[in-house]
């Protein structure tokens, strides 16, 4: 499981003209799921994302987490995080989990983040979405549940 984590001053997700979710200061988490992922990967990655110390403390050092900040998370499914671009010019998506498995684990990830006390906004699984991301820093990290 992969999460592309972006520290943001704000973020929003829309389908067409309908805004599905928006957050202020917090994290935009683009979540990719692969075939071998399980609930254990969800637990590891959700805990890691909520507790990553990537927000500035009073001294300006990255020493505070989303949980410390009381910020929110915008979580969007992103199967393209498992794209293979090593051959040819068209990415291959064989490593991405099938939609049924990916949606189940995505929903579980959203639930785990919510249960840690974080406010959560989401996109719509499988939909064509437009994201508005105001990356703060910029700080963007790729976090994986396994190597």
N, C-alpha and C. Protein backbone atom coordinates (compact mmCIF):
# COMPACT_ATOMS: atom_id res chain seq x y z
N UNK A 1 0.86 -1.16 0.00
CA UNK A 1 0.00 0.00 0.00
C UNK A 1 0.91 1.23 0.00
N UNK A 2 0.50 2.21 -0.78
CA UNK A 2 1.27 3.44 -0.90
C UNK A 2 0.38 4.63 -0.62
N UNK A 3 0.97 5.61 0.06
CA UNK A 3 0.28 6.87 0.28
C UNK A 3 1.22 7.99 -0.14
N UNK A 4 0.76 8.81 -1.04
CA UNK A 4 1.46 10.04 -1.38
C UNK A 4 0.86 11.10 -0.47
N UNK A 5 1.65 11.54 0.50
CA UNK A 5 1.17 12.43 1.57
C UNK A 5 1.68 13.83 1.30
N UNK A 6 0.75 14.78 1.24
CA UNK A 6 1.11 16.17 1.01
C UNK A 6 0.61 17.03 2.16
N UNK A 7 1.54 17.77 2.75
CA UNK A 7 1.16 18.75 3.78
C UNK A 7 0.54 19.93 3.06
N UNK A 8 -0.67 20.32 3.48
CA UNK A 8 -1.40 21.36 2.75
C UNK A 8 -1.92 22.44 3.69
N UNK A 9 -2.09 23.63 3.11
CA UNK A 9 -2.80 24.69 3.82
C UNK A 9 -4.30 24.53 3.59
N UNK A 10 -4.66 23.89 2.45
CA UNK A 10 -6.06 23.54 2.17
C UNK A 10 -6.09 22.57 1.00
N UNK A 11 -7.21 21.88 0.89
CA UNK A 11 -7.41 20.95 -0.22
C UNK A 11 -8.89 20.71 -0.43
N UNK A 12 -9.25 20.36 -1.65
CA UNK A 12 -10.65 20.07 -1.97
C UNK A 12 -10.69 19.07 -3.10
N UNK A 13 -11.81 18.34 -3.17
CA UNK A 13 -12.02 17.37 -4.23
C UNK A 13 -13.43 17.55 -4.78
N UNK A 14 -13.52 17.53 -6.13
CA UNK A 14 -14.81 17.70 -6.82
C UNK A 14 -14.98 16.61 -7.86
N UNK A 15 -16.23 16.28 -8.12
CA UNK A 15 -16.61 15.48 -9.28
C UNK A 15 -17.51 16.40 -10.09
N UNK A 16 -17.04 16.79 -11.26
CA UNK A 16 -17.77 17.79 -12.04
C UNK A 16 -17.82 19.09 -11.25
N UNK A 17 -19.01 19.61 -11.05
CA UNK A 17 -19.15 20.85 -10.28
C UNK A 17 -19.50 20.59 -8.82
N UNK A 18 -19.64 19.30 -8.43
CA UNK A 18 -20.00 18.95 -7.05
C UNK A 18 -18.75 18.79 -6.18
N UNK A 19 -18.64 19.64 -5.15
CA UNK A 19 -17.54 19.48 -4.21
C UNK A 19 -17.90 18.38 -3.23
N UNK A 20 -17.06 17.33 -3.18
CA UNK A 20 -17.30 16.20 -2.29
C UNK A 20 -16.71 16.41 -0.91
N UNK A 21 -15.59 17.10 -0.84
CA UNK A 21 -14.93 17.31 0.43
C UNK A 21 -13.90 18.40 0.35
N UNK A 22 -13.63 19.01 1.49
CA UNK A 22 -12.62 20.06 1.57
C UNK A 22 -12.05 20.08 2.98
N UNK A 23 -10.79 20.45 3.08
CA UNK A 23 -10.14 20.59 4.37
C UNK A 23 -9.34 21.88 4.40
N UNK A 24 -9.01 22.32 5.61
CA UNK A 24 -8.06 23.40 5.81
C UNK A 24 -6.69 22.78 6.02
N UNK A 25 -5.95 23.29 6.98
CA UNK A 25 -4.60 22.80 7.27
C UNK A 25 -4.64 21.31 7.61
N UNK A 26 -3.78 20.56 6.95
CA UNK A 26 -3.74 19.12 7.21
C UNK A 26 -2.97 18.39 6.14
N UNK A 27 -3.49 17.21 5.77
CA UNK A 27 -2.83 16.35 4.79
C UNK A 27 -3.79 15.96 3.68
N UNK A 28 -3.31 15.99 2.46
CA UNK A 28 -3.98 15.31 1.36
C UNK A 28 -3.24 13.99 1.20
N UNK A 29 -4.00 12.89 1.26
CA UNK A 29 -3.42 11.56 1.17
C UNK A 29 -3.99 10.88 -0.07
N UNK A 30 -3.13 10.65 -1.06
CA UNK A 30 -3.51 9.89 -2.24
C UNK A 30 -3.11 8.45 -1.96
N UNK A 31 -4.08 7.54 -1.99
CA UNK A 31 -3.87 6.17 -1.51
C UNK A 31 -3.93 5.17 -2.65
N UNK A 32 -2.87 4.39 -2.80
CA UNK A 32 -2.81 3.32 -3.79
C UNK A 32 -2.77 1.97 -3.11
N UNK A 33 -3.50 1.02 -3.69
CA UNK A 33 -3.60 -0.33 -3.13
C UNK A 33 -3.11 -1.33 -4.17
N UNK A 34 -2.33 -2.32 -3.72
CA UNK A 34 -1.86 -3.38 -4.60
C UNK A 34 -2.44 -4.72 -4.15
N UNK A 35 -2.22 -5.76 -4.96
CA UNK A 35 -2.82 -7.09 -4.74
C UNK A 35 -2.55 -7.69 -3.37
N UNK A 36 -1.36 -7.54 -2.86
CA UNK A 36 -0.95 -8.22 -1.63
C UNK A 36 -1.37 -7.49 -0.36
N UNK A 37 -1.98 -6.34 -0.48
CA UNK A 37 -2.33 -5.53 0.70
C UNK A 37 -3.45 -6.18 1.52
N UNK A 38 -3.31 -5.98 2.84
CA UNK A 38 -4.26 -6.54 3.80
C UNK A 38 -4.62 -5.47 4.83
N UNK A 39 -5.46 -5.84 5.77
CA UNK A 39 -5.82 -4.94 6.87
C UNK A 39 -4.59 -4.52 7.67
N UNK A 40 -3.58 -5.38 7.74
CA UNK A 40 -2.35 -5.02 8.46
C UNK A 40 -1.64 -3.86 7.77
N UNK A 41 -1.65 -3.84 6.45
CA UNK A 41 -1.06 -2.72 5.71
C UNK A 41 -1.84 -1.44 5.98
N UNK A 42 -3.17 -1.55 6.01
CA UNK A 42 -4.03 -0.41 6.31
C UNK A 42 -3.68 0.15 7.69
N UNK A 43 -3.62 -0.72 8.69
CA UNK A 43 -3.33 -0.27 10.06
C UNK A 43 -1.99 0.44 10.13
N UNK A 44 -0.95 -0.17 9.53
CA UNK A 44 0.39 0.42 9.55
C UNK A 44 0.39 1.80 8.89
N UNK A 45 -0.18 1.88 7.68
CA UNK A 45 -0.11 3.12 6.92
C UNK A 45 -0.98 4.22 7.53
N UNK A 46 -2.15 3.88 8.04
CA UNK A 46 -3.00 4.89 8.68
C UNK A 46 -2.31 5.47 9.91
N UNK A 47 -1.74 4.61 10.73
CA UNK A 47 -1.03 5.07 11.93
C UNK A 47 0.16 5.95 11.54
N UNK A 48 0.88 5.54 10.51
CA UNK A 48 2.04 6.29 10.06
C UNK A 48 1.63 7.69 9.55
N UNK A 49 0.59 7.76 8.75
CA UNK A 49 0.15 9.04 8.19
C UNK A 49 -0.33 9.99 9.28
N UNK A 50 -1.09 9.49 10.22
CA UNK A 50 -1.63 10.33 11.30
C UNK A 50 -0.53 10.85 12.20
N UNK A 51 0.55 10.09 12.35
CA UNK A 51 1.59 10.45 13.32
C UNK A 51 2.91 10.93 12.72
N UNK A 52 2.96 11.08 11.39
CA UNK A 52 4.18 11.64 10.78
C UNK A 52 4.42 13.04 11.31
N UNK A 53 5.62 13.30 11.77
CA UNK A 53 5.94 14.63 12.33
C UNK A 53 6.47 15.51 11.21
N UNK A 54 5.53 16.14 10.48
CA UNK A 54 5.90 16.96 9.32
C UNK A 54 5.33 18.37 9.39
N UNK A 55 4.77 18.73 10.54
CA UNK A 55 4.28 20.10 10.74
C UNK A 55 5.21 20.82 11.70
N UNK A 56 5.38 22.11 11.48
CA UNK A 56 6.33 22.90 12.27
C UNK A 56 5.85 23.09 13.71
N UNK A 57 6.80 23.01 14.62
CA UNK A 57 6.53 23.36 16.02
C UNK A 57 6.82 24.85 16.21
N UNK A 58 6.83 25.32 17.46
CA UNK A 58 7.05 26.73 17.76
C UNK A 58 8.42 27.22 17.30
N UNK A 59 9.38 26.30 17.20
CA UNK A 59 10.74 26.66 16.76
C UNK A 59 10.90 26.55 15.25
N UNK A 60 9.84 26.18 14.54
CA UNK A 60 9.90 26.06 13.10
C UNK A 60 10.43 24.73 12.60
N UNK A 61 10.64 23.77 13.49
CA UNK A 61 11.14 22.45 13.10
C UNK A 61 9.96 21.51 12.83
N UNK A 62 10.13 20.60 11.87
CA UNK A 62 9.09 19.60 11.60
C UNK A 62 9.08 18.62 12.77
N UNK A 63 8.19 18.89 13.71
CA UNK A 63 8.19 18.12 14.96
C UNK A 63 6.77 17.81 15.44
N UNK A 64 5.75 18.20 14.66
CA UNK A 64 4.37 17.96 15.07
C UNK A 64 3.66 17.11 14.01
N UNK A 65 2.76 16.27 14.47
CA UNK A 65 2.00 15.39 13.57
C UNK A 65 0.62 15.97 13.30
N UNK A 66 -0.10 15.33 12.40
CA UNK A 66 -1.48 15.70 12.12
C UNK A 66 -2.31 15.58 13.39
N UNK A 67 -2.06 14.53 14.16
CA UNK A 67 -2.77 14.33 15.42
C UNK A 67 -2.47 15.47 16.39
N UNK A 68 -1.20 15.88 16.49
CA UNK A 68 -0.81 16.99 17.37
C UNK A 68 -1.47 18.30 16.94
N UNK A 69 -1.53 18.50 15.63
CA UNK A 69 -2.03 19.73 15.06
C UNK A 69 -3.55 19.86 15.20
N UNK A 70 -4.23 18.70 15.20
CA UNK A 70 -5.69 18.73 15.17
C UNK A 70 -6.20 19.08 13.78
N UNK A 71 -5.38 18.78 12.77
CA UNK A 71 -5.75 19.05 11.39
C UNK A 71 -6.64 17.96 10.83
N UNK A 72 -6.93 18.07 9.54
CA UNK A 72 -7.82 17.12 8.87
C UNK A 72 -7.07 16.43 7.74
N UNK A 73 -7.67 15.37 7.22
CA UNK A 73 -7.10 14.64 6.09
C UNK A 73 -8.13 14.55 4.96
N UNK A 74 -7.67 14.82 3.76
CA UNK A 74 -8.46 14.59 2.55
C UNK A 74 -7.86 13.34 1.91
N UNK A 75 -8.63 12.26 1.87
CA UNK A 75 -8.13 10.97 1.40
C UNK A 75 -8.80 10.62 0.08
N UNK A 76 -7.97 10.38 -0.95
CA UNK A 76 -8.46 10.11 -2.29
C UNK A 76 -7.78 8.85 -2.82
N UNK A 77 -8.58 7.93 -3.35
CA UNK A 77 -8.06 6.72 -3.97
C UNK A 77 -7.27 7.08 -5.22
N UNK A 78 -6.11 6.43 -5.40
CA UNK A 78 -5.22 6.79 -6.51
C UNK A 78 -4.53 5.53 -7.04
N UNK A 79 -5.21 4.76 -7.88
CA UNK A 79 -4.63 3.52 -8.39
C UNK A 79 -3.37 3.76 -9.20
N UNK A 80 -3.20 4.95 -9.77
CA UNK A 80 -2.03 5.23 -10.60
C UNK A 80 -0.73 5.26 -9.80
N UNK A 81 -0.80 5.23 -8.47
CA UNK A 81 0.43 5.14 -7.68
C UNK A 81 1.13 3.80 -7.90
N UNK A 82 0.42 2.83 -8.46
CA UNK A 82 1.03 1.54 -8.79
C UNK A 82 1.28 1.39 -10.29
N UNK A 83 1.39 2.49 -11.01
CA UNK A 83 1.69 2.44 -12.44
C UNK A 83 3.13 1.98 -12.66
N UNK A 84 3.32 1.17 -13.68
CA UNK A 84 4.64 0.75 -14.10
C UNK A 84 4.95 1.49 -15.40
N UNK A 85 5.94 2.37 -15.33
CA UNK A 85 6.31 3.18 -16.49
C UNK A 85 7.66 2.75 -17.07
N UNK A 86 8.11 1.55 -16.72
CA UNK A 86 9.45 1.12 -17.11
C UNK A 86 9.55 0.65 -18.56
N UNK A 87 8.42 0.33 -19.19
CA UNK A 87 8.45 -0.17 -20.57
C UNK A 87 7.51 0.65 -21.44
N UNK A 88 7.96 1.01 -22.60
CA UNK A 88 7.12 1.73 -23.54
C UNK A 88 6.74 3.11 -23.03
N UNK A 89 5.64 3.62 -23.57
CA UNK A 89 5.22 4.98 -23.22
C UNK A 89 3.89 5.02 -22.51
N UNK A 90 3.22 3.88 -22.45
CA UNK A 90 1.92 3.83 -21.78
C UNK A 90 2.11 3.10 -20.45
N UNK A 91 1.71 3.70 -19.34
CA UNK A 91 1.87 3.02 -18.05
C UNK A 91 1.03 1.74 -17.99
N UNK A 92 1.56 0.75 -17.29
CA UNK A 92 0.82 -0.48 -17.02
C UNK A 92 0.31 -0.45 -15.58
N UNK A 93 -0.85 -1.02 -15.36
CA UNK A 93 -1.46 -0.97 -14.03
C UNK A 93 -1.69 -2.34 -13.42
N UNK A 94 -0.91 -3.33 -13.85
CA UNK A 94 -1.08 -4.70 -13.36
C UNK A 94 -0.86 -4.82 -11.85
N UNK A 95 -0.07 -3.93 -11.26
CA UNK A 95 0.21 -4.01 -9.82
C UNK A 95 -0.90 -3.41 -8.96
N UNK A 96 -1.78 -2.63 -9.57
CA UNK A 96 -2.91 -2.05 -8.82
C UNK A 96 -3.91 -3.16 -8.48
N UNK A 97 -4.45 -3.10 -7.28
CA UNK A 97 -5.44 -4.10 -6.86
C UNK A 97 -6.71 -3.95 -7.70
N UNK A 98 -7.46 -5.05 -7.85
CA UNK A 98 -8.75 -4.92 -8.53
C UNK A 98 -9.68 -4.01 -7.75
N UNK A 99 -10.62 -3.36 -8.42
CA UNK A 99 -11.46 -2.35 -7.77
C UNK A 99 -12.17 -2.82 -6.49
N UNK A 100 -12.68 -4.04 -6.47
CA UNK A 100 -13.40 -4.51 -5.27
C UNK A 100 -12.48 -4.55 -4.05
N UNK A 101 -11.29 -5.09 -4.22
CA UNK A 101 -10.32 -5.17 -3.12
C UNK A 101 -9.84 -3.77 -2.74
N UNK A 102 -9.52 -2.97 -3.74
CA UNK A 102 -9.00 -1.63 -3.47
C UNK A 102 -10.03 -0.78 -2.73
N UNK A 103 -11.30 -0.86 -3.13
CA UNK A 103 -12.33 -0.06 -2.47
C UNK A 103 -12.53 -0.50 -1.02
N UNK A 104 -12.50 -1.80 -0.79
CA UNK A 104 -12.65 -2.30 0.58
C UNK A 104 -11.53 -1.79 1.48
N UNK A 105 -10.28 -1.85 0.99
CA UNK A 105 -9.14 -1.41 1.80
C UNK A 105 -9.09 0.11 1.91
N UNK A 106 -9.50 0.81 0.87
CA UNK A 106 -9.59 2.27 0.93
C UNK A 106 -10.59 2.68 2.02
N UNK A 107 -11.77 2.08 2.01
CA UNK A 107 -12.78 2.38 3.03
C UNK A 107 -12.26 2.07 4.43
N UNK A 108 -11.52 0.97 4.57
CA UNK A 108 -10.95 0.60 5.87
C UNK A 108 -9.91 1.63 6.31
N UNK A 109 -9.09 2.11 5.37
CA UNK A 109 -8.10 3.14 5.67
C UNK A 109 -8.79 4.42 6.15
N UNK A 110 -9.82 4.85 5.45
CA UNK A 110 -10.58 6.04 5.85
C UNK A 110 -11.12 5.86 7.26
N UNK A 111 -11.68 4.69 7.54
CA UNK A 111 -12.22 4.40 8.87
C UNK A 111 -11.14 4.45 9.94
N UNK A 112 -9.97 3.89 9.65
CA UNK A 112 -8.87 3.87 10.63
C UNK A 112 -8.40 5.29 10.95
N UNK A 113 -8.31 6.13 9.95
CA UNK A 113 -7.88 7.52 10.17
C UNK A 113 -8.94 8.25 11.00
N UNK A 114 -10.20 8.05 10.68
CA UNK A 114 -11.29 8.67 11.45
C UNK A 114 -11.25 8.21 12.90
N UNK A 115 -11.01 6.92 13.11
CA UNK A 115 -11.00 6.38 14.48
C UNK A 115 -9.84 6.90 15.31
N UNK A 116 -8.84 7.48 14.66
CA UNK A 116 -7.74 8.08 15.42
C UNK A 116 -8.05 9.52 15.80
N UNK A 117 -9.27 9.98 15.52
CA UNK A 117 -9.70 11.30 15.95
C UNK A 117 -9.47 12.40 14.93
N UNK A 118 -9.10 12.04 13.73
CA UNK A 118 -8.81 13.02 12.67
C UNK A 118 -10.08 13.27 11.86
N UNK A 119 -10.37 14.53 11.55
CA UNK A 119 -11.46 14.85 10.63
C UNK A 119 -11.06 14.42 9.23
N UNK A 120 -11.98 13.77 8.54
CA UNK A 120 -11.66 13.21 7.22
C UNK A 120 -12.68 13.67 6.19
N UNK A 121 -12.17 14.06 5.02
CA UNK A 121 -12.98 14.30 3.83
C UNK A 121 -12.48 13.31 2.77
N UNK A 122 -13.36 12.90 1.86
CA UNK A 122 -12.95 11.93 0.85
C UNK A 122 -13.46 12.32 -0.52
N UNK A 123 -12.88 11.65 -1.50
CA UNK A 123 -13.38 11.72 -2.85
C UNK A 123 -14.43 10.63 -3.03
N UNK A 124 -14.66 10.24 -4.28
CA UNK A 124 -15.59 9.16 -4.60
C UNK A 124 -14.80 8.08 -5.32
N UNK A 125 -14.75 6.91 -4.73
CA UNK A 125 -13.95 5.82 -5.28
C UNK A 125 -14.35 5.56 -6.74
N UNK A 126 -13.35 5.49 -7.60
CA UNK A 126 -13.56 5.16 -9.00
C UNK A 126 -14.03 6.29 -9.89
N UNK A 127 -14.28 7.45 -9.31
CA UNK A 127 -14.78 8.58 -10.10
C UNK A 127 -13.62 9.39 -10.69
N UNK A 128 -13.90 10.09 -11.76
CA UNK A 128 -12.97 11.09 -12.29
C UNK A 128 -13.11 12.32 -11.41
N UNK A 129 -12.04 12.70 -10.74
CA UNK A 129 -12.10 13.78 -9.76
C UNK A 129 -11.13 14.89 -10.13
N UNK A 130 -11.44 16.09 -9.66
CA UNK A 130 -10.52 17.21 -9.74
C UNK A 130 -10.11 17.56 -8.31
N UNK A 131 -8.82 17.68 -8.13
CA UNK A 131 -8.28 18.01 -6.81
C UNK A 131 -7.70 19.41 -6.83
N UNK A 132 -7.96 20.14 -5.77
CA UNK A 132 -7.32 21.42 -5.55
C UNK A 132 -6.46 21.24 -4.31
N UNK A 133 -5.15 21.37 -4.52
CA UNK A 133 -4.20 21.11 -3.44
C UNK A 133 -3.29 22.32 -3.29
N UNK A 134 -3.27 22.89 -2.09
CA UNK A 134 -2.37 23.99 -1.79
C UNK A 134 -1.27 23.42 -0.90
N UNK A 135 -0.27 22.86 -1.56
CA UNK A 135 0.83 22.20 -0.87
C UNK A 135 1.59 23.22 -0.04
N UNK A 136 1.82 22.89 1.21
CA UNK A 136 2.46 23.78 2.18
C UNK A 136 3.91 23.36 2.34
N UNK A 137 4.80 24.17 1.85
CA UNK A 137 6.23 23.86 2.01
C UNK A 137 7.01 24.09 0.73
N UNK A 138 6.87 23.26 -0.27
CA UNK A 138 6.04 22.07 -0.35
C UNK A 138 6.65 20.90 0.42
N UNK A 139 5.77 20.12 1.01
CA UNK A 139 6.17 18.87 1.67
C UNK A 139 5.33 17.76 1.06
N UNK A 140 6.00 16.83 0.37
CA UNK A 140 5.34 15.68 -0.25
C UNK A 140 6.19 14.44 0.03
N UNK A 141 5.55 13.42 0.60
CA UNK A 141 6.27 12.20 0.98
C UNK A 141 5.56 10.97 0.41
N UNK A 142 6.32 9.98 -0.02
CA UNK A 142 5.77 8.70 -0.41
C UNK A 142 5.98 7.75 0.75
N UNK A 143 4.89 7.24 1.30
CA UNK A 143 4.94 6.36 2.46
C UNK A 143 4.39 5.00 2.02
N UNK A 144 5.12 3.93 2.31
CA UNK A 144 4.70 2.60 1.90
C UNK A 144 4.60 1.67 3.10
N UNK A 145 3.69 0.71 3.00
CA UNK A 145 3.51 -0.23 4.10
C UNK A 145 4.53 -1.35 4.05
N UNK A 146 5.16 -1.53 2.91
CA UNK A 146 6.21 -2.55 2.78
C UNK A 146 7.15 -2.15 1.67
N UNK A 147 8.34 -2.70 1.70
CA UNK A 147 9.32 -2.44 0.63
C UNK A 147 9.35 -3.60 -0.33
